[in-house]
N, C-alpha and C. Protein backbone atom coordinates (compact mmCIF):
# COMPACT_ATOMS: atom_id res chain seq x y z
N MET A 1 -10.76 9.35 69.15
CA MET A 1 -10.03 10.14 69.36
C MET A 1 -8.84 9.72 68.93
N ARG A 2 -7.72 9.86 67.38
CA ARG A 2 -6.62 8.92 67.42
C ARG A 2 -5.40 9.78 67.67
N ILE A 3 -5.02 8.90 68.03
CA ILE A 3 -3.12 9.78 68.60
C ILE A 3 -2.02 9.18 67.88
N LEU A 4 -1.11 9.52 66.79
CA LEU A 4 -0.09 8.92 66.17
C LEU A 4 1.16 8.90 66.68
N LEU A 5 1.75 8.22 67.06
CA LEU A 5 3.19 7.98 67.33
C LEU A 5 3.89 8.09 66.86
N VAL A 6 4.75 8.18 66.38
CA VAL A 6 5.97 8.30 65.77
C VAL A 6 7.25 7.73 66.60
N GLU A 7 7.66 7.29 66.95
CA GLU A 7 8.90 6.75 68.01
C GLU A 7 9.63 5.52 67.45
N ASP A 8 11.35 5.39 67.47
CA ASP A 8 11.87 4.62 66.64
C ASP A 8 12.11 3.71 68.04
N HIS A 9 11.95 4.20 69.44
CA HIS A 9 12.56 3.44 70.51
C HIS A 9 11.25 2.33 71.16
N ASP A 10 11.17 1.23 71.15
CA ASP A 10 10.58 0.20 70.88
C ASP A 10 9.39 0.44 72.37
N GLU A 11 10.69 0.17 73.13
CA GLU A 11 9.94 0.22 74.34
C GLU A 11 9.44 1.62 75.53
N LEU A 12 10.06 2.59 75.05
CA LEU A 12 9.30 3.97 75.13
C LEU A 12 8.12 3.70 74.07
N ALA A 13 8.34 3.88 73.26
CA ALA A 13 6.38 3.37 72.56
C ALA A 13 5.74 2.95 72.97
N SER A 14 6.11 1.60 73.81
CA SER A 14 5.36 1.00 74.39
C SER A 14 4.90 1.46 75.98
N ARG A 15 5.43 1.81 76.09
CA ARG A 15 5.50 3.16 77.57
C ARG A 15 3.88 3.73 76.76
N ILE A 16 4.25 4.64 76.02
CA ILE A 16 3.40 5.44 76.10
C ILE A 16 2.30 5.37 75.51
N ALA A 17 2.33 4.54 74.55
CA ALA A 17 1.38 3.64 73.99
C ALA A 17 -0.13 3.34 74.79
N ARG A 18 0.62 2.41 76.10
CA ARG A 18 -0.16 1.86 77.22
C ARG A 18 -0.77 3.16 78.19
N ARG A 19 0.09 4.23 77.78
CA ARG A 19 -0.32 5.74 79.11
C ARG A 19 -1.74 5.85 78.14
N ILE A 20 -0.99 6.45 76.86
CA ILE A 20 -2.15 7.17 76.05
C ILE A 20 -3.60 6.34 75.95
N ARG A 21 -3.67 5.02 75.70
CA ARG A 21 -4.86 4.41 75.62
C ARG A 21 -5.31 4.20 77.25
N ARG A 22 -4.49 4.33 77.88
CA ARG A 22 -5.61 4.24 79.52
C ARG A 22 -6.23 5.55 79.52
N ALA A 23 -6.06 6.19 79.07
CA ALA A 23 -6.64 7.67 79.40
C ALA A 23 -7.60 8.01 78.30
N GLY A 24 -7.52 6.59 77.55
CA GLY A 24 -9.11 6.54 76.41
C GLY A 24 -9.05 7.22 75.05
N TYR A 25 -8.11 7.23 74.41
CA TYR A 25 -7.33 7.63 73.36
C TYR A 25 -7.07 6.04 72.89
N ALA A 26 -7.38 6.23 71.53
CA ALA A 26 -6.90 5.29 70.46
C ALA A 26 -5.33 5.60 69.79
N VAL A 27 -4.40 4.77 69.76
CA VAL A 27 -3.39 5.14 69.36
C VAL A 27 -2.73 4.44 67.99
N ASP A 28 -2.02 4.58 66.94
CA ASP A 28 -1.21 3.88 66.17
C ASP A 28 0.09 4.52 66.20
N HIS A 29 1.29 3.43 66.24
CA HIS A 29 2.53 3.71 66.25
C HIS A 29 3.47 3.82 65.29
N ALA A 30 3.90 4.50 64.82
CA ALA A 30 5.30 4.45 63.47
C ALA A 30 6.05 3.99 63.82
N ASP A 31 7.26 3.69 63.10
CA ASP A 31 8.69 3.84 64.07
C ASP A 31 9.53 4.01 63.05
N SER A 32 9.18 5.11 61.80
CA SER A 32 9.72 5.64 60.99
C SER A 32 9.35 6.41 59.92
N ILE A 33 9.90 7.19 59.43
CA ILE A 33 8.92 8.13 58.66
C ILE A 33 8.12 7.72 57.61
N GLU A 34 8.57 6.68 56.85
CA GLU A 34 7.78 6.33 55.78
C GLU A 34 6.40 5.52 56.29
N ARG A 35 6.89 4.94 57.44
CA ARG A 35 5.44 3.68 57.73
C ARG A 35 4.20 4.96 58.50
N ALA A 36 4.99 6.55 59.15
CA ALA A 36 4.10 7.47 59.51
C ALA A 36 3.27 8.13 58.45
N LYS A 37 3.84 8.09 57.11
CA LYS A 37 3.41 9.00 56.15
C LYS A 37 2.00 7.74 55.75
N THR A 38 1.86 6.15 56.06
CA THR A 38 1.31 5.37 55.54
C THR A 38 0.17 5.41 56.01
N ALA A 39 0.37 5.90 57.83
CA ALA A 39 -0.53 5.84 58.99
C ALA A 39 -1.21 7.22 58.34
N LEU A 40 -0.91 7.92 58.12
CA LEU A 40 -1.61 9.27 57.95
C LEU A 40 -2.34 9.17 56.82
N GLU A 41 -1.76 8.32 55.86
CA GLU A 41 -3.32 8.27 54.31
C GLU A 41 -4.16 6.81 55.17
N ALA A 42 -4.19 6.46 55.98
CA ALA A 42 -4.91 5.77 56.58
C ALA A 42 -6.15 6.75 57.06
N GLY A 43 -6.04 7.71 57.27
CA GLY A 43 -6.97 8.50 58.52
C GLY A 43 -6.53 9.55 58.90
N PRO A 44 -7.31 11.03 59.92
CA PRO A 44 -6.68 11.54 60.40
C PRO A 44 -6.54 11.09 62.02
N PHE A 45 -5.62 12.15 62.46
CA PHE A 45 -5.36 12.07 63.64
C PHE A 45 -5.70 13.73 64.36
N ALA A 46 -5.93 13.58 65.72
CA ALA A 46 -6.58 14.32 66.88
C ALA A 46 -4.81 14.58 67.10
N VAL A 47 -3.88 14.43 67.51
CA VAL A 47 -2.21 14.69 67.80
C VAL A 47 -1.64 13.60 67.42
N ALA A 48 -0.33 14.32 67.21
CA ALA A 48 0.66 13.60 66.25
C ALA A 48 1.67 13.74 67.12
N LEU A 49 2.55 12.98 68.12
CA LEU A 49 3.84 12.86 68.60
C LEU A 49 4.69 11.85 68.04
N LEU A 50 5.97 13.42 67.95
CA LEU A 50 7.00 13.24 66.66
C LEU A 50 8.12 12.91 67.30
N ASP A 51 9.08 12.03 67.13
CA ASP A 51 10.50 12.27 67.61
C ASP A 51 11.40 12.46 66.46
N ARG A 52 12.42 13.33 66.48
CA ARG A 52 13.03 13.57 65.16
C ARG A 52 14.09 12.66 65.25
N ARG A 53 14.97 11.89 65.88
CA ARG A 53 16.14 11.11 65.68
C ARG A 53 15.67 9.30 64.82
N LEU A 54 14.85 9.79 63.08
CA LEU A 54 14.46 8.49 63.25
C LEU A 54 15.28 7.97 62.33
N PRO A 55 15.09 6.92 62.15
CA PRO A 55 15.88 5.69 61.29
C PRO A 55 16.01 6.28 60.22
N ASP A 56 15.00 6.74 59.39
CA ASP A 56 14.95 7.42 57.87
C ASP A 56 15.06 8.96 58.01
N GLY A 57 15.33 9.88 59.06
CA GLY A 57 15.44 10.95 58.86
C GLY A 57 15.27 11.92 60.36
N ASP A 58 14.58 13.20 59.89
CA ASP A 58 14.18 14.06 61.00
C ASP A 58 13.05 13.91 60.71
N GLY A 59 12.24 13.51 62.34
CA GLY A 59 10.58 13.70 62.14
C GLY A 59 10.02 15.06 61.66
N LEU A 60 10.83 16.08 62.09
CA LEU A 60 10.37 17.54 61.59
C LEU A 60 9.71 17.52 60.12
N SER A 61 10.21 16.58 59.78
CA SER A 61 10.21 16.73 57.41
C SER A 61 8.71 16.12 57.59
N LEU A 62 7.99 15.41 58.61
CA LEU A 62 6.60 15.30 58.50
C LEU A 62 5.73 16.11 58.40
N ILE A 63 6.32 17.18 59.58
CA ILE A 63 5.05 18.51 59.63
C ILE A 63 4.48 18.89 58.35
N PRO A 64 5.18 19.01 57.33
CA PRO A 64 4.27 20.07 56.27
C PRO A 64 3.36 19.32 55.26
N LEU A 65 3.51 17.50 56.10
CA LEU A 65 2.67 16.34 54.47
C LEU A 65 1.13 16.79 55.51
N MET A 66 1.24 16.95 57.37
CA MET A 66 0.38 16.95 58.48
C MET A 66 -0.19 17.62 58.25
N ARG A 67 0.49 19.17 58.34
CA ARG A 67 -0.47 20.07 58.13
C ARG A 67 -0.99 20.39 56.59
N ALA A 68 -0.56 19.76 55.43
CA ALA A 68 -1.47 19.67 54.20
C ALA A 68 -2.76 18.57 54.36
N ARG A 69 -2.59 17.85 55.44
CA ARG A 69 -3.41 16.76 55.41
C ARG A 69 -4.64 17.10 56.53
N GLN A 70 -4.21 17.76 57.27
CA GLN A 70 -5.33 18.07 58.59
C GLN A 70 -4.61 19.65 59.23
N PRO A 71 -4.80 20.49 58.63
CA PRO A 71 -4.06 21.69 59.07
C PRO A 71 -4.77 21.92 60.81
N GLY A 72 -5.84 21.32 61.56
CA GLY A 72 -6.17 21.77 62.66
C GLY A 72 -5.64 20.60 63.78
N GLY A 73 -4.94 19.73 62.89
CA GLY A 73 -4.33 18.54 64.15
C GLY A 73 -3.21 19.41 64.67
N ARG A 74 -2.92 18.86 66.20
CA ARG A 74 -1.58 19.04 66.92
C ARG A 74 -0.74 18.50 66.82
N ILE A 75 0.66 18.74 66.79
CA ILE A 75 1.80 18.05 66.64
C ILE A 75 2.72 18.62 67.89
N LEU A 76 3.43 17.52 68.30
CA LEU A 76 3.73 17.74 69.73
C LEU A 76 4.91 16.83 69.79
N VAL A 77 6.48 18.01 69.91
CA VAL A 77 7.75 17.00 69.20
C VAL A 77 8.28 16.38 70.48
N LEU A 78 8.81 14.76 70.52
CA LEU A 78 9.25 14.15 71.45
C LEU A 78 10.51 14.19 71.12
N THR A 79 11.86 14.35 71.78
CA THR A 79 12.88 14.57 71.76
C THR A 79 13.74 14.32 72.72
N ALA A 80 15.29 13.82 72.25
CA ALA A 80 16.58 14.34 73.43
C ALA A 80 17.19 15.20 72.96
N LEU A 81 17.08 15.54 71.77
CA LEU A 81 17.79 17.11 71.52
C LEU A 81 17.16 18.23 72.42
N ASP A 82 17.75 18.97 73.03
CA ASP A 82 17.35 19.78 74.14
C ASP A 82 17.61 21.25 73.62
N ALA A 83 18.51 21.23 73.47
CA ALA A 83 19.27 23.01 73.18
C ALA A 83 18.37 23.83 72.35
N VAL A 84 18.93 25.36 73.09
CA VAL A 84 17.56 25.81 72.89
C VAL A 84 17.25 26.13 71.37
N ASP A 85 18.16 25.90 70.50
CA ASP A 85 18.37 26.09 69.08
C ASP A 85 17.66 25.40 68.55
N ASP A 86 17.39 23.91 69.36
CA ASP A 86 16.59 22.67 68.88
C ASP A 86 15.14 22.60 68.83
N ARG A 87 14.98 23.32 70.05
CA ARG A 87 13.57 23.89 70.60
C ARG A 87 13.13 24.81 69.49
N ILE A 88 13.90 26.21 69.48
CA ILE A 88 13.45 26.85 68.53
C ILE A 88 12.95 26.42 67.04
N GLU A 89 13.89 25.50 66.05
CA GLU A 89 13.66 25.10 65.41
C GLU A 89 12.59 24.19 64.80
N GLY A 90 12.43 23.13 66.14
CA GLY A 90 10.93 22.46 66.28
C GLY A 90 9.87 23.30 66.21
N LEU A 91 9.71 24.57 66.75
CA LEU A 91 8.37 25.23 67.11
C LEU A 91 8.55 25.88 65.76
N ASP A 92 9.13 26.34 65.35
CA ASP A 92 9.29 27.07 64.33
C ASP A 92 8.70 26.30 62.33
N ALA A 93 9.14 24.71 62.96
CA ALA A 93 9.05 24.10 61.94
C ALA A 93 7.08 23.81 61.78
N GLY A 94 6.59 24.43 63.11
CA GLY A 94 4.93 24.00 62.89
C GLY A 94 4.43 23.33 64.28
N ALA A 95 4.95 23.11 64.60
CA ALA A 95 5.01 22.16 66.06
C ALA A 95 4.21 22.84 67.10
N ASP A 96 3.49 22.50 67.66
CA ASP A 96 2.29 23.17 68.48
C ASP A 96 3.04 23.13 70.09
N ASP A 97 4.06 22.03 70.19
CA ASP A 97 4.82 22.03 71.79
C ASP A 97 5.91 21.03 71.54
N TYR A 98 7.33 21.39 72.19
CA TYR A 98 7.93 20.34 72.36
C TYR A 98 8.83 19.92 73.37
N LEU A 99 8.49 18.93 73.69
CA LEU A 99 9.27 17.85 74.96
C LEU A 99 9.94 17.42 75.11
N THR A 100 11.10 17.52 75.73
CA THR A 100 12.30 16.66 75.75
C THR A 100 12.58 16.08 76.60
N LYS A 101 13.29 14.16 75.96
CA LYS A 101 13.27 13.22 76.97
C LYS A 101 14.50 13.43 77.70
N PRO A 102 14.90 12.72 78.69
CA PRO A 102 13.95 11.97 80.16
C PRO A 102 12.60 12.96 79.76
N PHE A 103 10.83 12.58 79.76
CA PHE A 103 9.90 13.13 80.21
C PHE A 103 8.76 12.48 81.19
N ASN A 104 7.91 12.84 81.98
CA ASN A 104 7.08 12.06 82.74
C ASN A 104 5.89 11.54 82.08
N LEU A 105 5.23 10.63 82.17
CA LEU A 105 4.22 10.42 80.86
C LEU A 105 2.81 11.47 81.56
N ASP A 106 2.86 11.60 83.38
CA ASP A 106 1.51 12.34 83.50
C ASP A 106 1.86 13.91 82.36
N GLU A 107 3.07 14.10 82.49
CA GLU A 107 3.30 15.59 82.04
C GLU A 107 2.95 15.48 80.50
N LEU A 108 3.27 14.45 79.72
CA LEU A 108 2.66 13.99 78.54
C LEU A 108 1.37 14.17 78.05
N MET A 109 0.68 13.64 78.62
CA MET A 109 -0.97 13.64 78.97
C MET A 109 -1.36 14.57 79.25
N ALA A 110 -1.10 15.26 79.84
CA ALA A 110 -1.32 16.83 79.93
C ALA A 110 -0.84 17.94 79.19
N ARG A 111 0.26 17.72 78.58
CA ARG A 111 0.55 18.18 77.24
C ARG A 111 -0.64 17.62 76.49
N ILE A 112 -1.02 16.86 75.89
CA ILE A 112 -1.82 16.41 75.07
C ILE A 112 -3.31 17.34 75.24
N ARG A 113 -3.51 17.02 76.65
CA ARG A 113 -5.05 17.73 76.89
C ARG A 113 -4.99 18.75 76.02
N ALA A 114 -3.75 19.53 76.96
CA ALA A 114 -4.11 21.31 76.62
C ALA A 114 -3.99 21.56 75.58
N SER A 115 -2.71 20.85 74.31
CA SER A 115 -3.41 20.89 72.72
C SER A 115 -4.46 20.57 72.34
N LEU A 116 -5.27 20.07 73.13
CA LEU A 116 -6.51 19.64 72.43
C LEU A 116 -7.31 20.61 72.63
N ARG A 117 -7.02 21.35 73.62
CA ARG A 117 -8.18 22.89 73.63
C ARG A 117 -8.07 23.74 73.05
N ARG A 118 -9.29 24.58 72.46
CA ARG A 118 -9.36 24.88 71.65
C ARG A 118 -8.93 26.41 71.84
N PRO A 119 -8.11 26.95 70.98
CA PRO A 119 -7.65 28.51 71.36
C PRO A 119 -8.72 29.75 71.92
N GLY A 120 -8.27 30.61 72.83
CA GLY A 120 -9.00 31.15 72.82
C GLY A 120 -9.76 31.05 73.70
N GLY A 121 -10.13 29.98 74.69
CA GLY A 121 -10.67 29.19 75.86
C GLY A 121 -12.28 28.71 75.16
N GLU A 122 -12.72 28.96 73.55
CA GLU A 122 -14.07 28.65 73.12
C GLU A 122 -13.89 27.03 74.38
N VAL A 123 -15.47 27.23 74.48
CA VAL A 123 -15.69 25.82 74.85
C VAL A 123 -17.11 25.00 73.70
N THR A 124 -16.50 23.98 73.24
CA THR A 124 -17.21 22.86 72.47
C THR A 124 -18.89 22.52 73.13
N PRO A 125 -19.82 22.44 72.77
CA PRO A 125 -21.08 22.38 73.50
C PRO A 125 -21.63 21.14 73.50
N PRO A 126 -22.13 20.51 74.42
CA PRO A 126 -22.39 19.44 74.90
C PRO A 126 -22.95 18.21 73.59
N ILE A 127 -22.69 17.31 73.71
CA ILE A 127 -23.74 16.90 72.53
C ILE A 127 -24.87 16.35 73.27
N ALA A 128 -26.44 16.71 73.10
CA ALA A 128 -27.29 16.49 73.98
C ALA A 128 -28.07 15.51 73.14
N ILE A 129 -28.82 14.22 73.21
CA ILE A 129 -29.40 14.15 72.98
C ILE A 129 -30.19 12.43 74.14
N GLY A 130 -31.74 12.88 73.86
CA GLY A 130 -32.46 12.56 75.13
C GLY A 130 -32.15 13.07 76.02
N ALA A 131 -31.73 12.26 77.42
CA ALA A 131 -31.29 12.23 78.23
C ALA A 131 -29.91 12.73 78.97
N LEU A 132 -29.32 12.45 77.69
CA LEU A 132 -27.48 12.03 77.33
C LEU A 132 -26.79 13.70 77.06
N ALA A 133 -25.63 13.61 77.69
CA ALA A 133 -25.22 14.51 77.39
C ALA A 133 -23.59 14.15 77.57
N PHE A 134 -22.88 14.10 76.14
CA PHE A 134 -21.62 14.24 76.12
C PHE A 134 -20.73 15.81 76.05
N ASP A 135 -19.79 15.93 77.09
CA ASP A 135 -18.81 17.07 76.71
C ASP A 135 -17.63 16.11 76.10
N LEU A 136 -17.21 16.68 74.76
CA LEU A 136 -16.27 16.79 74.19
C LEU A 136 -15.02 16.81 74.64
N ASP A 137 -15.07 18.30 75.58
CA ASP A 137 -13.86 19.19 75.81
C ASP A 137 -13.39 18.21 76.84
N ALA A 138 -14.19 17.79 77.70
CA ALA A 138 -13.76 17.24 78.71
C ALA A 138 -13.56 15.41 79.11
N ARG A 139 -14.42 14.91 77.89
CA ARG A 139 -14.62 13.62 77.23
C ARG A 139 -15.69 13.32 78.18
N THR A 140 -16.52 13.58 79.12
CA THR A 140 -17.16 13.16 80.06
C THR A 140 -18.85 13.30 79.85
N VAL A 141 -19.27 12.06 80.29
CA VAL A 141 -20.65 11.64 79.88
C VAL A 141 -21.28 11.36 81.39
N SER A 142 -22.94 12.08 80.86
CA SER A 142 -24.12 12.36 81.91
C SER A 142 -25.42 12.14 81.66
N VAL A 143 -26.14 11.51 82.26
CA VAL A 143 -27.56 11.64 82.15
C VAL A 143 -28.69 12.20 83.24
N ALA A 144 -29.20 13.12 82.19
CA ALA A 144 -29.98 13.79 82.98
C ALA A 144 -29.49 14.76 84.64
N GLY A 145 -28.13 15.06 84.28
CA GLY A 145 -27.42 15.98 85.12
C GLY A 145 -26.02 15.41 85.71
N ARG A 146 -26.60 13.67 85.74
CA ARG A 146 -25.63 12.96 86.84
C ARG A 146 -24.58 12.18 86.14
N PRO A 147 -23.59 12.33 86.74
CA PRO A 147 -22.53 11.65 85.95
C PRO A 147 -22.37 10.13 85.50
N VAL A 148 -21.69 10.00 84.51
CA VAL A 148 -21.95 8.17 84.25
C VAL A 148 -20.45 7.94 83.70
N VAL A 149 -19.98 7.10 84.48
CA VAL A 149 -18.87 6.59 84.23
C VAL A 149 -18.53 5.54 83.33
N LEU A 150 -17.74 5.52 81.94
CA LEU A 150 -17.69 4.30 81.15
C LEU A 150 -16.41 3.77 80.92
N LEU A 151 -16.16 2.89 80.73
CA LEU A 151 -14.94 1.87 80.44
C LEU A 151 -14.08 3.15 79.70
N ARG A 152 -12.81 2.99 79.10
CA ARG A 152 -12.40 3.74 77.79
C ARG A 152 -12.75 3.25 76.87
N ARG A 153 -12.72 2.14 76.53
CA ARG A 153 -13.54 2.07 75.12
C ARG A 153 -15.02 2.45 74.78
N GLU A 154 -15.56 2.14 75.86
CA GLU A 154 -17.53 2.31 75.61
C GLU A 154 -17.21 3.88 75.69
N LEU A 155 -16.41 4.61 76.34
CA LEU A 155 -16.16 5.72 76.00
C LEU A 155 -16.14 6.10 74.20
N ALA A 156 -15.03 5.84 74.07
CA ALA A 156 -14.48 6.30 72.34
C ALA A 156 -15.89 5.47 71.39
N LEU A 157 -16.41 4.29 72.27
CA LEU A 157 -17.63 3.81 70.95
C LEU A 157 -18.58 5.30 70.93
N LEU A 158 -19.11 5.38 72.01
CA LEU A 158 -20.22 6.23 71.91
C LEU A 158 -19.48 7.93 71.42
N GLU A 159 -18.28 8.08 72.09
CA GLU A 159 -17.97 9.52 70.96
C GLU A 159 -18.12 9.10 70.02
N ALA A 160 -18.09 8.42 69.18
CA ALA A 160 -17.96 8.06 67.85
C ALA A 160 -19.47 8.01 67.10
N LEU A 161 -19.84 7.51 67.79
CA LEU A 161 -21.53 7.40 67.33
C LEU A 161 -22.00 8.86 68.13
N ALA A 162 -21.79 9.35 68.78
CA ALA A 162 -22.33 10.61 69.14
C ALA A 162 -22.29 11.84 68.42
N ARG A 163 -21.07 11.71 67.67
CA ARG A 163 -20.65 13.19 67.25
C ARG A 163 -21.08 12.74 65.72
N ARG A 164 -21.46 11.70 65.01
CA ARG A 164 -22.80 11.35 64.05
C ARG A 164 -23.94 11.00 64.21
N ALA A 165 -24.85 11.57 65.65
CA ALA A 165 -25.58 10.82 65.66
C ALA A 165 -26.75 10.86 64.82
N GLY A 166 -27.55 10.29 64.79
CA GLY A 166 -28.94 9.97 63.32
C GLY A 166 -28.10 9.52 62.23
N ARG A 167 -26.76 9.04 62.54
CA ARG A 167 -26.61 8.87 61.16
C ARG A 167 -25.58 7.25 61.50
N VAL A 168 -25.51 6.70 60.12
CA VAL A 168 -24.88 5.01 60.38
C VAL A 168 -23.22 5.60 60.40
N VAL A 169 -23.06 5.11 61.47
CA VAL A 169 -21.38 5.15 61.01
C VAL A 169 -20.90 3.53 61.09
N MET A 170 -20.14 3.71 59.77
CA MET A 170 -19.87 2.37 59.74
C MET A 170 -18.65 1.65 60.61
N ARG A 171 -18.35 -0.02 60.53
CA ARG A 171 -18.12 -1.00 61.29
C ARG A 171 -16.42 -0.33 61.32
N GLU A 172 -16.21 -0.48 60.43
CA GLU A 172 -14.44 -0.26 59.76
C GLU A 172 -14.19 1.31 60.74
N ALA A 173 -15.00 1.96 60.78
CA ALA A 173 -14.38 4.06 60.73
C ALA A 173 -14.29 3.36 62.59
N LEU A 174 -15.47 2.58 62.77
CA LEU A 174 -15.65 2.56 64.76
C LEU A 174 -14.55 1.92 65.22
N ILE A 175 -14.31 1.04 63.98
CA ILE A 175 -12.96 0.17 64.71
C ILE A 175 -11.55 0.79 64.81
N ALA A 176 -11.60 1.48 63.44
CA ALA A 176 -10.31 2.29 63.79
C ALA A 176 -10.34 3.26 64.62
N GLY A 177 -11.70 4.19 64.97
CA GLY A 177 -11.57 4.77 66.18
C GLY A 177 -11.13 4.56 67.56
N ILE A 178 -11.56 3.48 67.74
CA ILE A 178 -11.59 2.53 69.18
C ILE A 178 -10.24 2.11 69.58
N TYR A 179 -9.92 1.21 68.39
CA TYR A 179 -8.35 0.09 68.43
C TYR A 179 -7.55 0.57 67.60
N GLY A 180 -6.36 0.77 67.93
CA GLY A 180 -4.81 0.69 67.72
C GLY A 180 -4.81 -0.19 66.43
N ALA A 181 -4.07 0.35 65.19
CA ALA A 181 -3.89 -0.23 64.42
C ALA A 181 -3.10 -1.48 64.37
N ASP A 182 -2.15 -1.44 65.71
CA ASP A 182 -1.56 -2.46 65.57
C ASP A 182 -1.94 -3.85 66.60
N GLU A 183 -3.49 -3.68 67.41
CA GLU A 183 -4.58 -4.32 67.72
C GLU A 183 -5.17 -5.41 67.15
N GLU A 184 -5.06 -6.55 68.01
CA GLU A 184 -5.65 -7.37 66.98
C GLU A 184 -7.12 -7.73 67.57
N ILE A 185 -8.21 -7.20 66.43
CA ILE A 185 -9.88 -7.73 66.67
C ILE A 185 -10.62 -8.69 66.56
N GLU A 186 -10.54 -9.28 67.59
CA GLU A 186 -11.79 -10.65 66.80
C GLU A 186 -12.66 -9.93 65.89
N GLU A 187 -13.38 -10.96 65.26
CA GLU A 187 -14.49 -10.75 64.92
C GLU A 187 -15.62 -10.27 65.38
N HIS A 188 -16.20 -10.92 66.29
CA HIS A 188 -17.29 -10.57 67.20
C HIS A 188 -16.83 -8.86 68.30
N THR A 189 -15.52 -8.60 68.50
CA THR A 189 -15.31 -7.62 69.34
C THR A 189 -16.41 -6.43 69.53
N LEU A 190 -16.45 -6.05 68.54
CA LEU A 190 -17.40 -4.45 68.46
C LEU A 190 -18.45 -5.07 68.62
N THR A 191 -19.19 -5.82 68.46
CA THR A 191 -20.65 -6.30 68.59
C THR A 191 -20.91 -6.57 69.61
N THR A 192 -19.29 -6.94 70.37
CA THR A 192 -19.84 -7.41 72.43
C THR A 192 -19.85 -5.93 72.93
N LEU A 193 -18.82 -5.09 72.35
CA LEU A 193 -18.23 -3.63 72.93
C LEU A 193 -19.89 -2.84 72.73
N VAL A 194 -20.73 -3.19 71.43
CA VAL A 194 -21.81 -2.46 71.08
C VAL A 194 -22.76 -2.86 72.32
N SER A 195 -22.65 -4.22 72.14
CA SER A 195 -23.87 -4.57 73.06
C SER A 195 -23.83 -4.25 74.73
N ARG A 196 -22.79 -4.03 75.19
CA ARG A 196 -22.39 -3.67 76.76
C ARG A 196 -22.37 -2.21 76.68
N LEU A 197 -22.13 -1.34 75.86
CA LEU A 197 -22.82 0.48 75.82
C LEU A 197 -24.34 -0.03 76.06
N ARG A 198 -24.88 -0.32 75.22
CA ARG A 198 -26.11 -0.36 74.88
C ARG A 198 -27.06 -0.66 76.25
N THR A 199 -26.29 -1.77 77.11
CA THR A 199 -26.83 -1.98 78.11
C THR A 199 -26.60 -1.10 78.92
N ARG A 200 -25.41 -0.56 79.12
CA ARG A 200 -25.20 0.47 80.26
C ARG A 200 -26.00 1.68 79.96
N LEU A 201 -26.22 2.26 78.85
CA LEU A 201 -27.04 3.12 78.78
C LEU A 201 -28.30 2.99 78.75
N GLN A 202 -28.63 1.58 78.79
CA GLN A 202 -30.37 1.32 79.67
C GLN A 202 -30.06 1.92 81.22
N GLU A 203 -29.08 0.76 81.41
CA GLU A 203 -29.44 1.31 83.31
C GLU A 203 -29.82 2.49 83.61
N HIS A 204 -29.02 3.46 83.04
CA HIS A 204 -28.92 4.63 83.54
C HIS A 204 -30.10 5.56 82.83
N GLY A 205 -30.86 5.47 82.18
CA GLY A 205 -32.34 5.80 81.48
C GLY A 205 -31.89 6.85 80.83
N ALA A 206 -30.67 6.45 80.03
CA ALA A 206 -30.31 7.81 78.62
C ALA A 206 -31.13 7.88 77.62
N GLY A 207 -32.41 7.39 77.59
CA GLY A 207 -33.05 8.00 76.77
C GLY A 207 -32.66 7.82 75.04
N VAL A 208 -31.50 7.11 74.43
CA VAL A 208 -30.92 6.94 74.00
C VAL A 208 -30.98 5.37 73.07
N GLU A 209 -30.86 4.97 71.96
CA GLU A 209 -30.66 3.96 71.47
C GLU A 209 -29.61 4.02 69.79
N ILE A 210 -28.95 2.45 70.15
CA ILE A 210 -28.14 1.89 69.45
C ILE A 210 -28.42 1.17 68.23
N HIS A 211 -28.69 1.51 67.25
CA HIS A 211 -29.66 0.90 66.35
C HIS A 211 -28.10 0.35 64.80
N SER A 212 -28.61 -1.15 64.90
CA SER A 212 -27.23 -2.11 64.38
C SER A 212 -28.15 -1.65 62.59
N ALA A 213 -27.40 -0.96 61.60
CA ALA A 213 -27.53 -1.82 60.10
C ALA A 213 -26.75 -2.95 60.11
N ARG A 214 -27.39 -3.78 59.62
CA ARG A 214 -26.83 -5.07 59.67
C ARG A 214 -25.60 -5.21 57.85
N GLY A 215 -24.49 -5.37 58.84
CA GLY A 215 -23.42 -5.47 57.69
C GLY A 215 -23.07 -4.35 57.22
N LEU A 216 -23.34 -3.15 58.04
CA LEU A 216 -22.70 -1.55 57.76
C LEU A 216 -21.80 -0.80 59.15
N GLY A 217 -23.18 -0.92 59.96
CA GLY A 217 -22.56 -0.29 61.50
C GLY A 217 -23.56 -0.15 62.10
N TYR A 218 -23.33 1.14 62.85
CA TYR A 218 -24.62 1.38 63.97
C TYR A 218 -24.55 2.95 63.91
N MET A 219 -25.84 3.39 64.62
CA MET A 219 -26.40 4.37 64.51
C MET A 219 -26.47 4.66 66.13
N LEU A 220 -26.84 6.11 66.42
CA LEU A 220 -27.25 6.81 67.31
C LEU A 220 -28.58 7.27 67.51
N SER A 221 -29.50 7.59 68.19
CA SER A 221 -30.36 8.25 67.95
C SER A 221 -31.47 8.63 69.28
N GLU A 222 -31.93 9.41 69.31
CA GLU A 222 -33.28 9.40 70.54
C GLU A 222 -33.86 8.46 70.62
N ALA A 223 -34.18 8.08 71.76
CA ALA A 223 -35.22 6.98 71.85
C ALA A 223 -36.63 7.49 71.76
N LYS A 224 -37.34 6.74 71.11
CA LYS A 224 -39.26 7.03 70.79
C LYS A 224 -39.46 6.97 71.96
N PRO A 225 -40.37 7.77 72.28
CA PRO A 225 -41.57 7.25 73.39
C PRO A 225 -42.10 5.88 73.56
N LYS A 226 -42.68 5.17 74.48
CA LYS A 226 -43.36 4.06 74.74
C LYS A 226 -44.66 4.74 74.24
N GLY A 227 -45.10 3.62 73.38
CA GLY A 227 -46.02 3.86 72.53
C GLY A 227 -46.42 4.34 71.43
N GLY A 228 -45.03 5.27 70.97
CA GLY A 228 -45.40 6.36 70.06
C GLY A 228 -44.74 6.01 68.88
N ASN A 229 -45.18 6.39 67.61
CA ASN A 229 -45.43 5.85 66.47
C ASN A 229 -44.26 5.95 66.09
């Protein structure tokens, strides 16, 4: 799951990005409206965090483009403009939430989690493959009802594969969903992560397999019974 952070204050952006990554999400950072537009062209984001006072304009100007490209995406405005009229302007412009600076990073994460919940209390059914169950809303994993703790990138990889179970997920799509655009990725980084996740799932008896499609990507499927055809 990816989050777009549009913030021109480098130190604050670094703090927010670290906190988001620690929570298990991938984050892309843009420090201007134009760079945010470029990031939006690269792929969808579950949540966008928008500063208003950017070098090339008001971050609210991005909202129509975001809504056109991804109607279901969540938009949270982060700004020092804390007057009631400013908050009303942000919400009327199409933002889902409005958080004024300075703010607590734990509160920010709570608001991100809240924004990702479906309206009306709907619950997304867990993805079940073999003995493995992945709860998309809570982002938790269990095997035969027993909770399994994964590192954040292992969790992000499993989520990307589980959402497309039975289909090959391209390497580029996996890398984009797990790592931020500003992170340096070595050639075998994804291969090593897949190997580690594969081992973890086997150790827990998840009853799934991660197949490699040489030169293309990876696919998650239910493990065939031993001795089966």
